[in-house]
Amino acid sequence: MFDSRLNLSNQVIDEVKKHFQTMVFDSVIPRNVKLAEAPSYGKPVLLYDASSTGANSYLNLARELLQKNEMTQIKNSEKIIE
């Protein structure tokens, strides 16, 4: 989970991108209160709060994964859920 306010998070992303290059997804999972709360309720974030920023980030990652594996025909303009 990424926190843009932390220098360490930014450094880690830079190093991961440098080392793994094209294998790195564009989607980033930001730190989010709902993501932290969901496990304590025994639910995945999509069932706990499907409209949260964290849930949308995971949906975007899933879409990107499907697109990279050519398992879907989702257009790039439709990729991001806000």
Protein backbone atom coordinates (compact mmCIF):
# COMPACT_ATOMS: atom_id res chain seq x y z
CA MET A 1 0.00 0.00 0.00
CA PHE A 2 1.40 3.31 -1.16
CA ASP A 3 1.51 6.55 0.81
CA SER A 4 2.60 9.43 -1.42
CA ARG A 5 3.47 11.54 1.63
CA LEU A 6 6.34 9.22 2.56
CA ASN A 7 9.70 9.51 0.84
CA LEU A 8 10.31 5.82 1.47
CA SER A 9 7.18 4.88 -0.53
CA ASN A 10 8.38 6.94 -3.47
CA GLN A 11 11.87 5.46 -3.26
CA VAL A 12 10.48 1.92 -3.19
CA ILE A 13 8.35 2.57 -6.28
CA ASP A 14 11.37 3.98 -8.11
CA GLU A 15 13.50 0.96 -7.22
CA VAL A 16 10.79 -1.54 -8.13
CA LYS A 17 10.22 0.15 -11.50
CA LYS A 18 13.96 0.29 -12.15
CA HIS A 19 14.47 -3.39 -11.35
CA PHE A 20 11.28 -4.92 -12.82
CA GLN A 21 10.63 -2.36 -15.60
CA THR A 22 7.70 -3.47 -17.78
CA MET A 23 6.49 -6.07 -15.26
CA VAL A 24 5.27 -3.30 -12.91
CA PHE A 25 1.60 -2.39 -13.10
CA ASP A 26 0.50 1.23 -13.47
CA SER A 27 -2.15 0.80 -10.77
CA VAL A 28 -1.14 1.82 -7.26
CA ILE A 29 -2.95 0.81 -4.08
CA PRO A 30 -2.92 3.84 -1.76
CA ARG A 31 -3.19 3.62 2.00
CA ASN A 32 -6.86 3.90 2.86
CA VAL A 33 -8.88 3.71 6.07
CA LYS A 34 -11.45 1.34 4.56
CA LEU A 35 -8.68 -1.06 3.51
CA ALA A 36 -7.44 -1.10 7.10
CA GLU A 37 -10.93 -1.54 8.60
CA ALA A 38 -12.23 -4.31 6.33
CA PRO A 39 -10.23 -7.22 7.87
CA SER A 40 -11.45 -6.39 11.37
CA TYR A 41 -15.00 -6.89 10.08
CA GLY A 42 -13.97 -10.16 8.44
CA LYS A 43 -14.70 -8.90 4.94
CA PRO A 44 -12.76 -8.06 1.80
CA VAL A 45 -12.84 -4.36 1.02
CA LEU A 46 -15.18 -4.93 -1.95
CA LEU A 47 -17.84 -6.27 0.42
CA TYR A 48 -17.05 -3.86 3.25
CA ASP A 49 -17.16 -0.67 1.15
CA ALA A 50 -17.17 -1.18 -2.61
CA SER A 51 -17.15 2.56 -3.31
CA SER A 52 -14.02 3.32 -1.27
CA THR A 53 -10.81 4.54 -2.86
CA GLY A 54 -9.06 1.32 -1.86
CA ALA A 55 -11.74 -0.89 -3.41
CA ASN A 56 -11.62 1.11 -6.64
CA SER A 57 -7.83 0.83 -6.70
CA TYR A 58 -8.04 -2.96 -6.43
CA LEU A 59 -10.67 -3.06 -9.19
CA ASN A 60 -8.39 -0.98 -11.41
CA LEU A 61 -5.52 -3.37 -10.69
CA ALA A 62 -7.72 -6.35 -11.60
CA ARG A 63 -8.73 -4.67 -14.87
CA GLU A 64 -5.12 -3.90 -15.67
CA LEU A 65 -4.15 -7.51 -14.98
CA LEU A 66 -6.88 -8.76 -17.30
CA GLN A 67 -5.84 -6.29 -20.00
CA LYS A 68 -2.18 -7.27 -19.78
CA ASN A 69 -3.18 -10.90 -20.20
CA GLU A 70 -5.51 -9.96 -23.06
CA MET A 71 -8.45 -11.53 -21.29
CA THR A 72 -10.68 -8.50 -21.79
CA GLN A 73 -11.32 -5.83 -24.36
CA ILE A 74 -11.70 -2.94 -21.90
CA LYS A 75 -10.62 0.29 -23.51
CA ASN A 76 -7.96 2.36 -21.71
CA SER A 77 -10.45 5.19 -21.37
CA GLU A 78 -12.70 2.83 -19.37
CA LYS A 79 -9.89 1.41 -17.24
CA ILE A 80 -10.07 3.77 -14.28
CA ILE A 81 -12.95 3.67 -11.82
CA GLU A 82 -13.31 6.82 -9.78
